[in-house]
Amino acid sequence: MLLDGKKILVTGVLDPRSIAFQAARLAQEEGAEIVLTGFGRGRKLTERSAKRLPERPDVLELDVTNPDDVEAVVAELTERWGRVDGIVHAIGFAPASCLGEDFLEAPWEDVATALQVSTYSLAVLARAFRPLMVAADGASMVGLDFDATVAWPGYNWMGVAKAGLESLSRYLARELGPDGIRVNLIAAGPLNTMAARSIDGFSQFDEVWGARAALPWDLRDAEPVGRNIVALLSDWTPAVTGEILHVDGGVHAMGA
């Protein structure tokens, strides 16, 4: 029961294949009470997925680009829990022009959307929930990454956004460390999630990982990533912050 009694906010649950769903499921199995977030039409997908968790959690409306939504969730969890022990940041979006083959053709307006939603949103959550995490006396934020040290085919501006997320996580680790709040990322290998299927050329990743992974890698199994999220949320990683943990079968460490 690594998360016994902990209060965890989980964003980004779209369907049972998503990393966030596995994190939510495992968090419940390890003793946490969780709340999910969704917004707009996607909230229906989140609510449908919530029914398939061991215990059906509430789903709160949260568009990270809408300050009113953020304030409302903070107010709800302040009244409900009085603290937040952990936050799973599984938020990412890029307009179609930011993905695919025409990297230089994406207009700034679309790039700005990708950066606001996929990168800046981590800072939005950190600022808004900081008092509740301070009240937890040792909280943890865990974000989802995809190795941004290299350029991936078709990933384009989302890759740039992830590079910003990696840098941002280090600055947040420095900023929030004195409050006892840890900030880490997990750089997951490719998984057959709803988000991944929106990337043109995603099928190429299957070949790359099959050839280069030191450990077997299954694109259909997000549980290994979920387990590591739970570990970083738990009290068993007390001195770990500003870290990017690669859960990718070892591909990041392999040469050509």
Protein backbone atom coordinates (compact mmCIF):
# COMPACT_ATOMS: atom_id res chain seq x y z
CA MET A 1 0.00 0.00 0.00
CA LEU A 2 2.52 2.57 -1.18
CA LEU A 3 -0.07 5.36 -1.31
CA ASP A 4 -2.16 4.44 1.71
CA GLY A 5 -4.31 7.42 2.69
CA LYS A 6 -2.90 9.76 0.06
CA LYS A 7 -5.04 12.18 -1.94
CA ILE A 8 -4.09 12.23 -5.62
CA LEU A 9 -5.28 14.37 -8.51
CA VAL A 10 -4.97 12.60 -11.88
CA THR A 11 -5.34 14.45 -15.16
CA GLY A 12 -5.44 13.07 -18.68
CA VAL A 13 -7.46 9.87 -18.34
CA LEU A 14 -9.10 9.36 -21.74
CA ASP A 15 -9.46 5.60 -22.07
CA PRO A 16 -8.19 2.44 -20.33
CA ARG A 17 -5.18 2.28 -22.65
CA SER A 18 -3.88 5.64 -21.44
CA ILE A 19 -0.93 5.94 -19.10
CA ALA A 20 -2.98 8.11 -16.77
CA PHE A 21 -5.64 5.39 -16.47
CA GLN A 22 -3.04 2.84 -15.37
CA ALA A 23 -1.61 5.36 -12.91
CA ALA A 24 -5.09 5.98 -11.49
CA ARG A 25 -5.87 2.27 -11.23
CA LEU A 26 -2.61 1.40 -9.53
CA ALA A 27 -2.86 4.40 -7.21
CA GLN A 28 -6.24 3.16 -5.99
CA GLU A 29 -4.91 -0.36 -5.57
CA GLU A 30 -2.06 1.08 -3.49
CA GLY A 31 -4.49 2.85 -1.14
CA ALA A 32 -4.91 6.34 -2.60
CA GLU A 33 -8.12 8.31 -2.94
CA ILE A 34 -8.15 9.93 -6.35
CA VAL A 35 -10.04 12.52 -8.34
CA LEU A 36 -9.89 12.70 -12.12
CA THR A 37 -10.22 15.73 -14.37
CA GLY A 38 -11.55 16.20 -17.88
CA PHE A 39 -13.13 18.94 -19.92
CA GLY A 40 -15.44 19.56 -22.83
CA ARG A 41 -16.36 16.60 -24.97
CA GLY A 42 -13.39 14.66 -23.65
CA ARG A 43 -14.89 14.63 -20.17
CA LYS A 44 -17.39 12.00 -21.30
CA LEU A 45 -14.48 9.72 -22.18
CA THR A 46 -12.97 10.33 -18.75
CA GLU A 47 -16.26 9.58 -16.99
CA ARG A 48 -16.66 6.39 -19.01
CA SER A 49 -13.14 5.30 -18.06
CA ALA A 50 -13.76 6.19 -14.40
CA LYS A 51 -16.39 3.44 -14.27
CA ARG A 52 -13.73 0.87 -15.09
CA LEU A 53 -11.47 1.74 -12.17
CA PRO A 54 -11.55 -0.35 -8.98
CA GLU A 55 -13.53 2.46 -7.31
CA ARG A 56 -15.34 5.03 -9.40
CA PRO A 57 -13.80 8.45 -8.68
CA ASP A 58 -15.34 11.85 -9.27
CA VAL A 59 -14.43 13.67 -12.47
CA LEU A 60 -13.99 17.44 -12.18
CA GLU A 61 -14.07 19.92 -15.06
CA LEU A 62 -10.57 21.24 -15.72
CA ASP A 63 -9.44 23.08 -18.83
CA VAL A 64 -5.92 24.19 -17.87
CA THR A 65 -6.21 27.21 -20.14
CA ASN A 66 -9.25 28.44 -18.20
CA PRO A 67 -8.34 30.10 -14.87
CA ASP A 68 -11.91 29.72 -13.62
CA ASP A 69 -11.72 25.94 -14.00
CA VAL A 70 -8.41 25.81 -12.16
CA GLU A 71 -9.74 27.92 -9.30
CA ALA A 72 -12.88 25.79 -9.07
CA VAL A 73 -10.91 22.54 -8.76
CA VAL A 74 -8.63 24.06 -6.11
CA ALA A 75 -11.69 25.22 -4.16
CA GLU A 76 -13.34 21.80 -4.44
CA LEU A 77 -10.27 19.90 -3.23
CA THR A 78 -9.62 22.43 -0.47
CA GLU A 79 -13.08 21.72 0.90
CA ARG A 80 -12.98 17.99 0.22
CA TRP A 81 -9.45 17.07 1.27
CA GLY A 82 -7.68 20.12 2.64
CA ARG A 83 -4.48 18.91 1.00
CA VAL A 84 -3.17 17.26 -2.16
CA ASP A 85 -0.44 14.64 -1.79
CA GLY A 86 0.20 14.14 -5.47
CA ILE A 87 -0.62 15.36 -8.96
CA VAL A 88 -0.27 13.38 -12.17
CA HIS A 89 0.21 15.75 -15.09
CA ALA A 90 -0.81 13.86 -18.23
CA ILE A 91 -1.85 16.89 -20.25
CA GLY A 92 -0.74 17.40 -23.81
CA PHE A 93 -2.20 18.73 -27.03
CA ALA A 94 -0.91 20.09 -30.31
CA PRO A 95 -3.00 21.21 -33.31
CA ALA A 96 -2.66 19.08 -36.42
CA SER A 97 -0.33 21.60 -38.07
CA CYS A 98 2.21 21.01 -35.29
CA LEU A 99 2.50 17.29 -36.04
CA GLY A 100 3.41 15.41 -39.20
CA GLU A 101 6.04 16.33 -41.77
CA ASP A 102 5.78 20.10 -42.32
CA PHE A 103 7.61 21.32 -39.24
CA LEU A 104 8.20 24.88 -40.49
CA GLU A 105 4.66 25.37 -41.73
CA ALA A 106 2.99 25.46 -38.30
CA PRO A 107 1.75 28.99 -37.51
CA TRP A 108 2.67 30.62 -34.22
CA GLU A 109 -0.94 30.52 -33.00
CA ASP A 110 -0.90 26.72 -33.19
CA VAL A 111 2.58 26.44 -31.71
CA ALA A 112 1.52 28.72 -28.85
CA THR A 113 -1.44 26.41 -28.14
CA ALA A 114 0.85 23.38 -28.03
CA LEU A 115 3.23 25.12 -25.61
CA GLN A 116 0.48 26.48 -23.38
CA VAL A 117 -1.34 23.18 -23.02
CA SER A 118 1.59 20.75 -23.04
CA THR A 119 4.26 22.76 -21.20
CA TYR A 120 2.99 25.79 -19.32
CA SER A 121 0.10 23.82 -17.81
CA LEU A 122 2.54 22.11 -15.43
CA ALA A 123 3.43 25.52 -14.00
CA VAL A 124 -0.28 26.42 -13.85
CA LEU A 125 -1.01 23.37 -11.69
CA ALA A 126 2.08 23.93 -9.54
CA ARG A 127 1.12 27.52 -8.77
CA ALA A 128 -2.56 26.80 -8.16
CA PHE A 129 -2.13 23.70 -5.98
CA ARG A 130 1.02 24.79 -4.14
CA PRO A 131 -0.83 25.66 -0.89
CA LEU A 132 -2.63 22.30 -0.90
CA MET A 133 0.63 20.46 -1.57
CA VAL A 134 2.36 22.39 1.20
CA ALA A 135 -0.44 21.26 3.51
CA ALA A 136 0.37 17.66 2.57
CA ASP A 137 3.90 18.00 4.02
CA GLY A 138 5.73 16.16 1.27
CA ALA A 139 3.79 16.18 -1.99
CA SER A 140 4.85 14.94 -5.41
CA MET A 141 4.12 16.10 -8.96
CA VAL A 142 4.74 13.61 -11.78
CA GLY A 143 4.51 14.63 -15.44
CA LEU A 144 4.63 12.56 -18.62
CA ASP A 145 7.42 13.10 -21.09
CA PHE A 146 8.73 11.61 -24.34
CA ASP A 147 12.52 11.85 -24.57
CA ALA A 148 13.14 15.35 -25.93
CA THR A 149 16.92 15.06 -26.24
CA VAL A 150 16.48 13.94 -29.85
CA ALA A 151 14.16 14.80 -32.76
CA TRP A 152 11.50 12.21 -33.54
CA PRO A 153 9.80 11.78 -36.93
CA GLY A 154 6.42 13.50 -37.03
CA TYR A 155 6.56 14.65 -33.39
CA ASN A 156 7.65 18.13 -34.40
CA TRP A 157 6.36 20.93 -32.15
CA MET A 158 5.12 18.49 -29.53
CA GLY A 159 8.76 17.45 -29.20
CA VAL A 160 9.68 21.10 -28.67
CA ALA A 161 6.92 21.37 -26.07
CA LYS A 162 8.28 18.31 -24.27
CA ALA A 163 11.77 19.82 -24.29
CA GLY A 164 10.25 22.84 -22.58
CA LEU A 165 8.49 20.56 -20.11
CA GLU A 166 11.79 18.93 -19.21
CA SER A 167 13.39 22.29 -18.51
CA LEU A 168 10.32 23.55 -16.66
CA SER A 169 10.31 20.53 -14.37
CA ARG A 170 13.83 21.35 -13.23
CA TYR A 171 12.94 24.97 -12.48
CA LEU A 172 9.82 23.87 -10.61
CA ALA A 173 11.90 21.37 -8.64
CA ARG A 174 14.15 24.22 -7.54
CA GLU A 175 11.23 26.54 -6.80
CA LEU A 176 9.13 24.04 -4.87
CA GLY A 177 11.88 22.09 -3.15
CA PRO A 178 11.94 24.32 -0.07
CA ASP A 179 8.25 23.49 0.39
CA GLY A 180 9.04 19.76 0.37
CA ILE A 181 7.36 19.31 -3.02
CA ARG A 182 9.05 16.97 -5.51
CA VAL A 183 8.69 17.46 -9.28
CA ASN A 184 9.70 14.66 -11.64
CA LEU A 185 8.96 13.45 -15.15
CA ILE A 186 8.65 10.00 -16.64
CA ALA A 187 9.93 9.66 -20.20
CA ALA A 188 7.83 6.75 -21.36
CA GLY A 189 8.47 4.67 -24.42
CA PRO A 190 5.83 4.68 -27.17
CA LEU A 191 2.45 3.24 -26.24
CA ASN A 192 -0.65 2.69 -28.32
CA THR A 193 -2.66 5.43 -26.64
CA MET A 194 -5.23 7.80 -28.10
CA ALA A 195 -2.65 10.60 -28.06
CA ALA A 196 -0.01 8.51 -29.81
CA ARG A 197 -2.38 7.45 -32.59
CA SER A 198 -2.79 11.11 -33.56
CA ILE A 199 0.91 11.26 -34.56
CA ASP A 200 1.54 10.62 -38.24
CA GLY A 201 4.11 7.85 -38.60
CA PHE A 202 3.64 6.45 -35.09
CA SER A 203 3.97 2.92 -36.48
CA GLN A 204 7.69 3.60 -37.05
CA PHE A 205 8.25 3.62 -33.31
CA ASP A 206 7.25 -0.04 -33.05
CA GLU A 207 10.13 -1.00 -35.35
CA VAL A 208 12.63 1.24 -33.56
CA TRP A 209 11.77 -0.05 -30.09
CA GLY A 210 11.67 -3.65 -31.23
CA ALA A 211 15.19 -3.34 -32.59
CA ARG A 212 16.80 -1.19 -29.89
CA ALA A 213 15.11 -1.90 -26.55
CA ALA A 214 17.33 -3.73 -24.06
CA LEU A 215 14.21 -5.07 -22.34
CA PRO A 216 11.07 -6.33 -24.09
CA TRP A 217 8.72 -3.44 -24.88
CA ASP A 218 4.98 -3.86 -25.45
CA LEU A 219 3.22 -0.88 -27.04
CA ARG A 220 -0.07 -2.19 -25.65
CA ASP A 221 1.00 -2.29 -21.99
CA ALA A 222 1.08 1.00 -20.06
CA GLU A 223 1.26 -0.66 -16.65
CA PRO A 224 5.06 -0.46 -16.30
CA VAL A 225 4.82 3.31 -16.70
CA GLY A 226 1.92 3.46 -14.26
CA ARG A 227 3.91 1.55 -11.65
CA ASN A 228 6.77 4.00 -11.85
CA ILE A 229 4.36 6.93 -11.54
CA VAL A 230 3.05 5.38 -8.32
CA ALA A 231 6.61 4.94 -7.07
CA LEU A 232 7.38 8.63 -7.64
CA LEU A 233 4.14 9.64 -5.93
CA SER A 234 5.00 7.54 -2.90
CA ASP A 235 7.16 8.25 0.13
CA TRP A 236 9.74 5.75 -1.15
CA THR A 237 11.39 8.39 -3.36
CA PRO A 238 11.90 11.13 -0.75
CA ALA A 239 15.08 12.73 -2.10
CA VAL A 240 14.27 12.52 -5.81
CA THR A 241 13.30 15.72 -7.62
CA GLY A 242 14.13 17.35 -10.95
CA GLU A 243 14.57 13.85 -12.34
CA ILE A 244 13.54 12.40 -15.71
CA LEU A 245 12.99 8.69 -15.25
CA HIS A 246 13.12 6.74 -18.50
CA VAL A 247 10.62 3.91 -18.61
CA ASP A 248 11.31 2.85 -22.19
CA GLY A 249 12.88 -0.59 -22.09
CA GLY A 250 16.32 1.02 -22.06
CA VAL A 251 16.20 2.53 -25.57
CA HIS A 252 17.50 5.88 -24.30
CA ALA A 253 20.76 4.18 -23.22
CA MET A 254 21.39 2.16 -26.38
CA GLY A 255 23.58 3.21 -29.30
CA ALA A 256 22.79 2.55 -32.94
